[in-house]
Amino acid sequence: MADWICAYNSNGFAHHRLEDALRILAELGYGGVALTLDVHHLDPFADGHDRACRNLARLLEELQLDLVIESGARFNLDPRRKHYPSLLCRRDGRRRLDYLLRCHDTALALGASVVSLWSGHDFEEIGFAAAFDLLVENLGELLDRCRSSGVAFAFEPEPGMLIETLEQYDRLAATLDRPGFGLALDLGHLLVTGEAEPEDVLRARGADALTIAIEDMRRGRHEHLPFGEGDLDLDAVIGALDDCGYSGLVAVELSRSSSDAVRIAAESLHELAVRRG
């Protein structure tokens, strides 16, 4: 049985102070956190960020929580446009690159080995080919600048963004062909795109993933749901996780359940633990 770690994404505690959220997760029994750097959770643009990182590193050690850094904050770069700008923007894409570099530096300060990211949207409607080339260029620069740090970038195919399927991810990874770049696998997204069953993907590719997210979803609908409210076969997924050789964080991602965060986090861990045995 693989020694994967149950984790929870901090974006599911949007109404909690980060320290409170981490203490709650540790008390519930989680072994890790997927930390989304956001305006209210270790904002990498805030004054005193270095000091905040030092304090948080001590807390994570005290609570014995493993960590990956997530870069999916909705309005950190633009308060009016969700996820703007992206790496596909000719005008403002450098701001996204700067944010990702700050995520990298935060990971380094906290001892995290993985930063998760995605392509973003083609806001300027430059077309797939041009946007893909720009994505490769910007990711190449990002990887070059972080070449010797030991922090890897895990790329997540995201429904509705430029790169939304594993096939598209494979094309991107082959084009980049760089060390320090790998797959961030969101199991619910596979139900949205319909490309394969999550348990089948885990058995085929799970061992190579750098980080994994899990939640329930309905087929064809991109809405993160608590377990039991969608079409995810959780028993099959847990069986595949145990068999595939993956040993990193498996983070529950329920950003729209923050108003009932403690109950949802507790129930999510219970559902995972019961099936894991």
C-alpha atoms as a PDB file:
ATOM      1  CA  MET A   1       0.000   0.000   0.000  1.00  0.00           C
ATOM      2  CA  ALA A   2       1.384   3.410  -0.994  1.00  0.00           C
ATOM      3  CA  ASP A   3       2.107   5.883   1.788  1.00  0.00           C
ATOM      4  CA  TRP A   4       0.205   8.864   0.393  1.00  0.00           C
ATOM      5  CA  ILE A   5      -0.758  11.698   2.734  1.00  0.00           C
ATOM      6  CA  CYS A   6      -4.245  13.115   3.293  1.00  0.00           C
ATOM      7  CA  ALA A   7      -4.142  16.899   2.888  1.00  0.00           C
ATOM      8  CA  TYR A   8      -6.576  19.796   2.507  1.00  0.00           C
ATOM      9  CA  ASN A   9      -6.354  22.921   0.378  1.00  0.00           C
ATOM     10  CA  SER A  10      -6.277  26.155   2.375  1.00  0.00           C
ATOM     11  CA  ASN A  11      -8.654  27.721  -0.151  1.00  0.00           C
ATOM     12  CA  GLY A  12     -11.354  25.681   1.588  1.00  0.00           C
ATOM     13  CA  PHE A  13     -10.760  27.772   4.736  1.00  0.00           C
ATOM     14  CA  ALA A  14     -11.116  31.170   3.069  1.00  0.00           C
ATOM     15  CA  HIS A  15     -12.817  32.711   6.109  1.00  0.00           C
ATOM     16  CA  HIS A  16     -10.236  31.486   8.634  1.00  0.00           C
ATOM     17  CA  ARG A  17      -6.887  32.934   9.605  1.00  0.00           C
ATOM     18  CA  LEU A  18      -4.221  30.689   8.145  1.00  0.00           C
ATOM     19  CA  GLU A  19      -2.787  29.716  11.528  1.00  0.00           C
ATOM     20  CA  ASP A  20      -6.249  28.751  12.787  1.00  0.00           C
ATOM     21  CA  ALA A  21      -6.943  26.712   9.662  1.00  0.00           C
ATOM     22  CA  LEU A  22      -3.673  24.807   9.960  1.00  0.00           C
ATOM     23  CA  ARG A  23      -4.239  24.029  13.632  1.00  0.00           C
ATOM     24  CA  ILE A  24      -7.738  22.748  12.848  1.00  0.00           C
ATOM     25  CA  LEU A  25      -6.476  20.532  10.027  1.00  0.00           C
ATOM     26  CA  ALA A  26      -3.796  19.058  12.272  1.00  0.00           C
ATOM     27  CA  GLU A  27      -6.342  18.455  15.053  1.00  0.00           C
ATOM     28  CA  LEU A  28      -8.644  16.690  12.608  1.00  0.00           C
ATOM     29  CA  GLY A  29      -5.830  14.368  11.592  1.00  0.00           C
ATOM     30  CA  TYR A  30      -4.638  15.702   8.250  1.00  0.00           C
ATOM     31  CA  GLY A  31      -0.980  15.202   7.458  1.00  0.00           C
ATOM     32  CA  GLY A  32      -0.533  18.011   4.966  1.00  0.00           C
ATOM     33  CA  VAL A  33      -1.829  21.210   3.438  1.00  0.00           C
ATOM     34  CA  ALA A  34      -1.985  22.513  -0.114  1.00  0.00           C
ATOM     35  CA  LEU A  35      -1.364  26.176   0.647  1.00  0.00           C
ATOM     36  CA  THR A  36      -2.929  28.583  -1.852  1.00  0.00           C
ATOM     37  CA  LEU A  37      -1.010  31.851  -1.517  1.00  0.00           C
ATOM     38  CA  ASP A  38      -3.734  34.477  -1.455  1.00  0.00           C
ATOM     39  CA  VAL A  39      -4.582  37.950  -0.199  1.00  0.00           C
ATOM     40  CA  HIS A  40      -5.556  36.514   3.196  1.00  0.00           C
ATOM     41  CA  HIS A  41      -3.229  33.493   3.373  1.00  0.00           C
ATOM     42  CA  LEU A  42       0.491  34.321   3.259  1.00  0.00           C
ATOM     43  CA  ASP A  43       0.135  36.896   0.480  1.00  0.00           C
ATOM     44  CA  PRO A  44       3.515  36.907  -1.314  1.00  0.00           C
ATOM     45  CA  PHE A  45       3.112  40.637  -2.068  1.00  0.00           C
ATOM     46  CA  ALA A  46       2.494  41.653   1.558  1.00  0.00           C
ATOM     47  CA  ASP A  47       4.970  43.595   3.651  1.00  0.00           C
ATOM     48  CA  GLY A  48       6.794  41.331   6.070  1.00  0.00           C
ATOM     49  CA  HIS A  49       6.351  38.242   3.897  1.00  0.00           C
ATOM     50  CA  ASP A  50       9.795  36.866   4.770  1.00  0.00           C
ATOM     51  CA  ARG A  51       9.047  37.124   8.482  1.00  0.00           C
ATOM     52  CA  ALA A  52       5.633  35.535   7.954  1.00  0.00           C
ATOM     53  CA  CYS A  53       7.309  32.621   6.150  1.00  0.00           C
ATOM     54  CA  ARG A  54       9.695  32.060   9.048  1.00  0.00           C
ATOM     55  CA  ASN A  55       6.806  32.016  11.518  1.00  0.00           C
ATOM     56  CA  LEU A  56       4.780  29.678   9.338  1.00  0.00           C
ATOM     57  CA  ALA A  57       7.702  27.297   8.864  1.00  0.00           C
ATOM     58  CA  ARG A  58       7.915  26.921  12.635  1.00  0.00           C
ATOM     59  CA  LEU A  59       4.171  26.284  12.881  1.00  0.00           C
ATOM     60  CA  LEU A  60       4.213  23.658  10.123  1.00  0.00           C
ATOM     61  CA  GLU A  61       7.044  21.877  11.893  1.00  0.00           C
ATOM     62  CA  GLU A  62       5.169  22.036  15.203  1.00  0.00           C
ATOM     63  CA  LEU A  63       2.013  20.617  13.614  1.00  0.00           C
ATOM     64  CA  GLN A  64       3.912  18.069  11.504  1.00  0.00           C
ATOM     65  CA  LEU A  65       2.150  19.139   8.312  1.00  0.00           C
ATOM     66  CA  ASP A  66       3.675  18.460   4.899  1.00  0.00           C
ATOM     67  CA  LEU A  67       3.209  21.128   2.254  1.00  0.00           C
ATOM     68  CA  VAL A  68       2.760  21.945  -1.404  1.00  0.00           C
ATOM     69  CA  ILE A  69       2.306  25.515  -2.656  1.00  0.00           C
ATOM     70  CA  GLU A  70      -0.712  26.298  -4.833  1.00  0.00           C
ATOM     71  CA  SER A  71      -0.891  29.344  -7.120  1.00  0.00           C
ATOM     72  CA  GLY A  72      -4.618  29.369  -7.909  1.00  0.00           C
ATOM     73  CA  ALA A  73      -5.624  32.526  -6.012  1.00  0.00           C
ATOM     74  CA  ARG A  74      -8.560  34.140  -7.804  1.00  0.00           C
ATOM     75  CA  PHE A  75      -8.005  37.873  -7.322  1.00  0.00           C
ATOM     76  CA  ASN A  76      -4.469  38.244  -6.000  1.00  0.00           C
ATOM     77  CA  LEU A  77      -3.191  39.912  -9.172  1.00  0.00           C
ATOM     78  CA  ASP A  78      -6.327  41.782 -10.249  1.00  0.00           C
ATOM     79  CA  PRO A  79      -9.203  42.559  -7.850  1.00  0.00           C
ATOM     80  CA  ARG A  80     -11.737  42.776 -10.696  1.00  0.00           C
ATOM     81  CA  ARG A  81     -10.870  39.890 -13.034  1.00  0.00           C
ATOM     82  CA  LYS A  82     -10.625  36.325 -11.808  1.00  0.00           C
ATOM     83  CA  HIS A  83      -7.265  34.660 -12.557  1.00  0.00           C
ATOM     84  CA  TYR A  84      -6.089  37.644 -14.626  1.00  0.00           C
ATOM     85  CA  PRO A  85      -3.462  37.990 -15.989  1.00  0.00           C
ATOM     86  CA  SER A  86      -2.351  34.563 -17.161  1.00  0.00           C
ATOM     87  CA  LEU A  87       0.910  33.408 -18.698  1.00  0.00           C
ATOM     88  CA  LEU A  88      -0.904  33.708 -22.053  1.00  0.00           C
ATOM     89  CA  CYS A  89      -1.248  37.498 -21.845  1.00  0.00           C
ATOM     90  CA  ARG A  90       1.118  39.490 -24.025  1.00  0.00           C
ATOM     91  CA  ARG A  91       0.443  42.719 -22.152  1.00  0.00           C
ATOM     92  CA  ASP A  92       0.447  41.655 -18.495  1.00  0.00           C
ATOM     93  CA  GLY A  93       1.792  38.114 -18.458  1.00  0.00           C
ATOM     94  CA  ARG A  94       4.958  39.233 -16.676  1.00  0.00           C
ATOM     95  CA  ARG A  95       2.872  39.894 -13.582  1.00  0.00           C
ATOM     96  CA  ARG A  96       1.793  36.240 -13.525  1.00  0.00           C
ATOM     97  CA  LEU A  97       5.402  35.163 -14.003  1.00  0.00           C
ATOM     98  CA  ASP A  98       6.448  37.373 -11.091  1.00  0.00           C
ATOM     99  CA  TYR A  99       3.711  35.855  -8.916  1.00  0.00           C
ATOM    100  CA  LEU A 100       4.890  32.331  -9.748  1.00  0.00           C
ATOM    101  CA  LEU A 101       8.466  33.277  -8.898  1.00  0.00           C
ATOM    102  CA  ARG A 102       7.215  34.553  -5.551  1.00  0.00           C
ATOM    103  CA  CYS A 103       5.381  31.257  -5.064  1.00  0.00           C
ATOM    104  CA  HIS A 104       8.646  29.476  -5.796  1.00  0.00           C
ATOM    105  CA  ASP A 105      10.558  31.602  -3.291  1.00  0.00           C
ATOM    106  CA  THR A 106       7.866  30.985  -0.677  1.00  0.00           C
ATOM    107  CA  ALA A 107       8.107  27.239  -1.264  1.00  0.00           C
ATOM    108  CA  LEU A 108      11.858  27.461  -0.812  1.00  0.00           C
ATOM    109  CA  ALA A 109      11.457  29.403   2.443  1.00  0.00           C
ATOM    110  CA  LEU A 110       8.948  26.876   3.807  1.00  0.00           C
ATOM    111  CA  GLY A 111      10.766  23.747   2.696  1.00  0.00           C
ATOM    112  CA  ALA A 112       8.121  22.745   0.142  1.00  0.00           C
ATOM    113  CA  SER A 113       9.369  20.844  -2.889  1.00  0.00           C
ATOM    114  CA  VAL A 114       6.429  21.491  -5.239  1.00  0.00           C
ATOM    115  CA  VAL A 115       4.584  24.519  -6.620  1.00  0.00           C
ATOM    116  CA  SER A 116       1.378  23.793  -8.534  1.00  0.00           C
ATOM    117  CA  LEU A 117       0.252  25.972 -11.462  1.00  0.00           C
ATOM    118  CA  TRP A 118      -1.901  25.933 -14.603  1.00  0.00           C
ATOM    119  CA  SER A 119      -2.002  27.642 -17.995  1.00  0.00           C
ATOM    120  CA  GLY A 120      -4.746  30.157 -17.325  1.00  0.00           C
ATOM    121  CA  HIS A 121      -7.129  31.587 -19.899  1.00  0.00           C
ATOM    122  CA  ASP A 122      -6.453  33.094 -23.310  1.00  0.00           C
ATOM    123  CA  PHE A 123      -7.872  36.446 -22.210  1.00  0.00           C
ATOM    124  CA  GLU A 124      -6.612  38.275 -25.303  1.00  0.00           C
ATOM    125  CA  GLU A 125      -8.022  35.619 -27.664  1.00  0.00           C
ATOM    126  CA  ILE A 126      -4.779  35.201 -29.536  1.00  0.00           C
ATOM    127  CA  GLY A 127      -5.664  31.603 -30.461  1.00  0.00           C
ATOM    128  CA  PHE A 128      -4.454  28.227 -29.270  1.00  0.00           C
ATOM    129  CA  ALA A 129      -1.236  28.062 -31.306  1.00  0.00           C
ATOM    130  CA  ALA A 130       0.020  31.517 -30.304  1.00  0.00           C
ATOM    131  CA  ALA A 131      -1.069  31.052 -26.697  1.00  0.00           C
ATOM    132  CA  PHE A 132       0.627  27.653 -26.522  1.00  0.00           C
ATOM    133  CA  ASP A 133       3.897  29.118 -27.813  1.00  0.00           C
ATOM    134  CA  LEU A 134       3.710  31.954 -25.282  1.00  0.00           C
ATOM    135  CA  LEU A 135       3.019  29.468 -22.492  1.00  0.00           C
ATOM    136  CA  VAL A 136       6.067  27.410 -23.481  1.00  0.00           C
ATOM    137  CA  GLU A 137       8.199  30.547 -23.569  1.00  0.00           C
ATOM    138  CA  ASN A 138       7.104  31.775 -20.153  1.00  0.00           C
ATOM    139  CA  LEU A 139       7.304  28.365 -18.498  1.00  0.00           C
ATOM    140  CA  GLY A 140      10.756  27.891 -19.982  1.00  0.00           C
ATOM    141  CA  GLU A 141      11.910  31.155 -18.448  1.00  0.00           C
ATOM    142  CA  LEU A 142      10.369  30.206 -15.122  1.00  0.00           C
ATOM    143  CA  LEU A 143      12.126  26.831 -15.097  1.00  0.00           C
ATOM    144  CA  ASP A 144      15.432  28.390 -16.173  1.00  0.00           C
ATOM    145  CA  ARG A 145      15.332  30.910 -13.338  1.00  0.00           C
ATOM    146  CA  CYS A 146      14.582  28.185 -10.776  1.00  0.00           C
ATOM    147  CA  ARG A 147      16.831  25.537 -12.271  1.00  0.00           C
ATOM    148  CA  SER A 148      18.992  24.740  -9.239  1.00  0.00           C
ATOM    149  CA  SER A 149      16.570  25.368  -6.370  1.00  0.00           C
ATOM    150  CA  GLY A 150      15.205  21.848  -5.964  1.00  0.00           C
ATOM    151  CA  VAL A 151      11.614  23.127  -6.172  1.00  0.00           C
ATOM    152  CA  ALA A 152       9.580  21.471  -8.936  1.00  0.00           C
ATOM    153  CA  PHE A 153       6.622  22.946 -10.825  1.00  0.00           C
ATOM    154  CA  ALA A 154       3.578  20.697 -11.116  1.00  0.00           C
ATOM    155  CA  PHE A 155       1.302  21.612 -14.005  1.00  0.00           C
ATOM    156  CA  GLU A 156      -2.430  21.008 -13.647  1.00  0.00           C
ATOM    157  CA  PRO A 157      -4.680  20.523 -16.677  1.00  0.00           C
ATOM    158  CA  GLU A 158      -7.737  22.628 -15.824  1.00  0.00           C
ATOM    159  CA  PRO A 159     -11.138  22.435 -17.573  1.00  0.00           C
ATOM    160  CA  GLY A 160     -11.907  25.666 -19.392  1.00  0.00           C
ATOM    161  CA  MET A 161      -8.284  26.812 -19.572  1.00  0.00           C
ATOM    162  CA  LEU A 162      -5.904  26.530 -22.511  1.00  0.00           C
ATOM    163  CA  ILE A 163      -4.445  23.239 -21.281  1.00  0.00           C
ATOM    164  CA  GLU A 164      -7.355  21.211 -19.949  1.00  0.00           C
ATOM    165  CA  THR A 165      -6.632  17.572 -20.807  1.00  0.00           C
ATOM    166  CA  LEU A 166      -3.848  15.107 -20.158  1.00  0.00           C
ATOM    167  CA  GLU A 167      -3.233  14.848 -23.901  1.00  0.00           C
ATOM    168  CA  GLN A 168      -2.594  18.593 -24.050  1.00  0.00           C
ATOM    169  CA  TYR A 169      -0.411  18.392 -20.950  1.00  0.00           C
ATOM    170  CA  ASP A 170       1.663  15.638 -22.569  1.00  0.00           C
ATOM    171  CA  ARG A 171       2.217  17.840 -25.627  1.00  0.00           C
ATOM    172  CA  LEU A 172       3.289  20.718 -23.374  1.00  0.00           C
ATOM    173  CA  ALA A 173       5.647  18.558 -21.306  1.00  0.00           C
ATOM    174  CA  ALA A 174       7.212  17.079 -24.444  1.00  0.00           C
ATOM    175  CA  THR A 175       7.709  20.536 -25.937  1.00  0.00           C
ATOM    176  CA  LEU A 176       9.310  21.916 -22.775  1.00  0.00           C
ATOM    177  CA  ASP A 177      11.326  18.760 -22.021  1.00  0.00           C
ATOM    178  CA  ARG A 178      12.766  20.316 -18.850  1.00  0.00           C
ATOM    179  CA  PRO A 179      13.697  18.872 -15.461  1.00  0.00           C
ATOM    180  CA  GLY A 180      11.696  20.251 -12.578  1.00  0.00           C
ATOM    181  CA  PHE A 181       8.407  20.091 -14.481  1.00  0.00           C
ATOM    182  CA  GLY A 182       5.732  17.458 -13.924  1.00  0.00           C
ATOM    183  CA  LEU A 183       2.069  16.669 -13.518  1.00  0.00           C
ATOM    184  CA  ALA A 184      -0.401  18.008 -10.960  1.00  0.00           C
ATOM    185  CA  LEU A 185      -3.333  15.626 -11.220  1.00  0.00           C
ATOM    186  CA  ASP A 186      -6.828  16.723 -10.196  1.00  0.00           C
ATOM    187  CA  LEU A 187      -9.013  13.625 -10.124  1.00  0.00           C
ATOM    188  CA  GLY A 188     -12.333  15.453 -10.296  1.00  0.00           C
ATOM    189  CA  HIS A 189     -11.279  17.246 -13.465  1.00  0.00           C
ATOM    190  CA  LEU A 190     -11.162  13.914 -15.278  1.00  0.00           C
ATOM    191  CA  LEU A 191     -14.901  13.577 -14.755  1.00  0.00           C
ATOM    192  CA  VAL A 192     -15.413  17.012 -16.290  1.00  0.00           C
ATOM    193  CA  THR A 193     -13.352  16.420 -19.417  1.00  0.00           C
ATOM    194  CA  GLY A 194     -14.484  12.797 -19.726  1.00  0.00           C
ATOM    195  CA  GLU A 195     -11.113  11.712 -21.064  1.00  0.00           C
ATOM    196  CA  ALA A 196     -10.691   8.736 -18.708  1.00  0.00           C
ATOM    197  CA  GLU A 197     -11.837   7.331 -15.391  1.00  0.00           C
ATOM    198  CA  PRO A 198      -9.836   8.768 -12.464  1.00  0.00           C
ATOM    199  CA  GLU A 199      -8.901   5.338 -11.107  1.00  0.00           C
ATOM    200  CA  ASP A 200      -7.568   4.272 -14.516  1.00  0.00           C
ATOM    201  CA  VAL A 201      -5.435   7.399 -14.805  1.00  0.00           C
ATOM    202  CA  LEU A 202      -4.081   6.833 -11.305  1.00  0.00           C
ATOM    203  CA  ARG A 203      -2.991   3.307 -12.128  1.00  0.00           C
ATOM    204  CA  ALA A 204      -1.363   4.432 -15.365  1.00  0.00           C
ATOM    205  CA  ARG A 205       0.198   7.709 -14.236  1.00  0.00           C
ATOM    206  CA  GLY A 206      -0.245   8.222 -10.516  1.00  0.00           C
ATOM    207  CA  ALA A 207       3.275   7.214  -9.558  1.00  0.00           C
ATOM    208  CA  ASP A 208       4.671  10.009 -11.741  1.00  0.00           C
ATOM    209  CA  ALA A 209       2.431  12.793 -10.393  1.00  0.00           C
ATOM    210  CA  LEU A 210       4.043  15.500  -8.274  1.00  0.00           C
ATOM    211  CA  THR A 211       0.848  16.343  -6.420  1.00  0.00           C
ATOM    212  CA  ILE A 212      -2.768  15.141  -6.513  1.00  0.00           C
ATOM    213  CA  ALA A 213      -6.040  16.937  -5.761  1.00  0.00           C
ATOM    214  CA  ILE A 214      -9.266  15.128  -4.986  1.00  0.00           C
ATOM    215  CA  GLU A 215     -12.922  16.095  -4.689  1.00  0.00           C
ATOM    216  CA  ASP A 216     -16.241  14.924  -6.029  1.00  0.00           C
ATOM    217  CA  MET A 217     -17.619  16.284  -9.320  1.00  0.00           C
ATOM    218  CA  ARG A 218     -20.442  15.535 -11.696  1.00  0.00           C
ATOM    219  CA  ARG A 219     -19.562  14.382 -15.172  1.00  0.00           C
ATOM    220  CA  GLY A 220     -19.219  17.305 -17.539  1.00  0.00           C
ATOM    221  CA  ARG A 221     -19.687  19.970 -14.847  1.00  0.00           C
ATOM    222  CA  HIS A 222     -16.757  21.811 -13.265  1.00  0.00           C
ATOM    223  CA  GLU A 223     -18.009  22.230  -9.722  1.00  0.00           C
ATOM    224  CA  HIS A 224     -15.978  21.003  -6.734  1.00  0.00           C
ATOM    225  CA  LEU A 225     -18.269  19.007  -4.442  1.00  0.00           C
ATOM    226  CA  PRO A 226     -17.942  17.147  -1.136  1.00  0.00           C
ATOM    227  CA  PHE A 227     -17.617  13.392  -1.438  1.00  0.00           C
ATOM    228  CA  GLY A 228     -20.889  11.655  -2.188  1.00  0.00           C
ATOM    229  CA  GLU A 229     -22.449  14.565  -4.096  1.00  0.00           C
ATOM    230  CA  GLY A 230     -21.053  13.770  -7.535  1.00  0.00           C
ATOM    231  CA  ASP A 231     -19.964  10.904  -9.756  1.00  0.00           C
ATOM    232  CA  LEU A 232     -16.534  10.079  -8.319  1.00  0.00           C
ATOM    233  CA  ASP A 233     -16.167   6.389  -7.439  1.00  0.00           C
ATOM    234  CA  LEU A 234     -14.259   7.032  -4.224  1.00  0.00           C
ATOM    235  CA  ASP A 235     -13.740   3.350  -3.407  1.00  0.00           C
ATOM    236  CA  ALA A 236     -12.167   2.750  -6.808  1.00  0.00           C
ATOM    237  CA  VAL A 237     -10.022   5.879  -6.531  1.00  0.00           C
ATOM    238  CA  ILE A 238      -8.706   4.979  -3.069  1.00  0.00           C
ATOM    239  CA  GLY A 239      -7.913   1.487  -4.285  1.00  0.00           C
ATOM    240  CA  ALA A 240      -5.974   2.928  -7.215  1.00  0.00           C
ATOM    241  CA  LEU A 241      -4.146   5.391  -4.953  1.00  0.00           C
ATOM    242  CA  ASP A 242      -3.079   2.532  -2.716  1.00  0.00           C
ATOM    243  CA  ASP A 243      -1.881   0.485  -5.690  1.00  0.00           C
ATOM    244  CA  CYS A 244      -0.207   3.046  -7.946  1.00  0.00           C
ATOM    245  CA  GLY A 245       2.924   3.849  -5.914  1.00  0.00           C
ATOM    246  CA  TYR A 246       2.185   7.533  -5.322  1.00  0.00           C
ATOM    247  CA  SER A 247       3.538   8.806  -1.992  1.00  0.00           C
ATOM    248  CA  GLY A 248       2.835  12.563  -1.959  1.00  0.00           C
ATOM    249  CA  LEU A 249      -0.048  14.729  -0.816  1.00  0.00           C
ATOM    250  CA  VAL A 250      -3.624  13.976  -1.866  1.00  0.00           C
ATOM    251  CA  ALA A 251      -5.339  17.279  -1.151  1.00  0.00           C
ATOM    252  CA  VAL A 252      -9.089  17.725  -0.845  1.00  0.00           C
ATOM    253  CA  GLU A 253      -9.983  20.906  -2.766  1.00  0.00           C
ATOM    254  CA  LEU A 254     -13.330  22.459  -1.849  1.00  0.00           C
ATOM    255  CA  SER A 255     -12.833  26.203  -2.164  1.00  0.00           C
ATOM    256  CA  ARG A 256     -16.551  26.935  -2.331  1.00  0.00           C
ATOM    257  CA  SER A 257     -17.273  25.127   0.950  1.00  0.00           C
ATOM    258  CA  SER A 258     -15.412  27.597   3.164  1.00  0.00           C
ATOM    259  CA  SER A 259     -18.543  28.757   5.006  1.00  0.00           C
ATOM    260  CA  ASP A 260     -18.736  25.298   6.594  1.00  0.00           C
ATOM    261  CA  ALA A 261     -15.040  24.496   6.439  1.00  0.00           C
ATOM    262  CA  VAL A 262     -14.531  22.612   9.687  1.00  0.00           C
ATOM    263  CA  ARG A 263     -17.416  20.194   9.179  1.00  0.00           C
ATOM    264  CA  ILE A 264     -16.603  19.607   5.517  1.00  0.00           C
ATOM    265  CA  ALA A 265     -12.913  19.007   6.254  1.00  0.00           C
ATOM    266  CA  ALA A 266     -13.771  16.559   9.038  1.00  0.00           C
ATOM    267  CA  GLU A 267     -16.263  14.644   6.906  1.00  0.00           C
ATOM    268  CA  SER A 268     -13.874  14.553   3.944  1.00  0.00           C
ATOM    269  CA  LEU A 269     -11.116  13.018   6.039  1.00  0.00           C
ATOM    270  CA  HIS A 270     -13.556  10.503   7.478  1.00  0.00           C
ATOM    271  CA  GLU A 271     -14.624   9.414   3.980  1.00  0.00           C
ATOM    272  CA  LEU A 272     -10.997   8.964   2.912  1.00  0.00           C
ATOM    273  CA  ALA A 273     -10.014   7.123   6.100  1.00  0.00           C
ATOM    274  CA  VAL A 274     -12.952   4.726   6.041  1.00  0.00           C
ATOM    275  CA  ARG A 275     -12.164   3.575   2.535  1.00  0.00           C
ATOM    276  CA  ARG A 276      -8.452   3.456   3.089  1.00  0.00           C
ATOM    277  CA  GLY A 277      -8.892   1.078   6.009  1.00  0.00           C
END
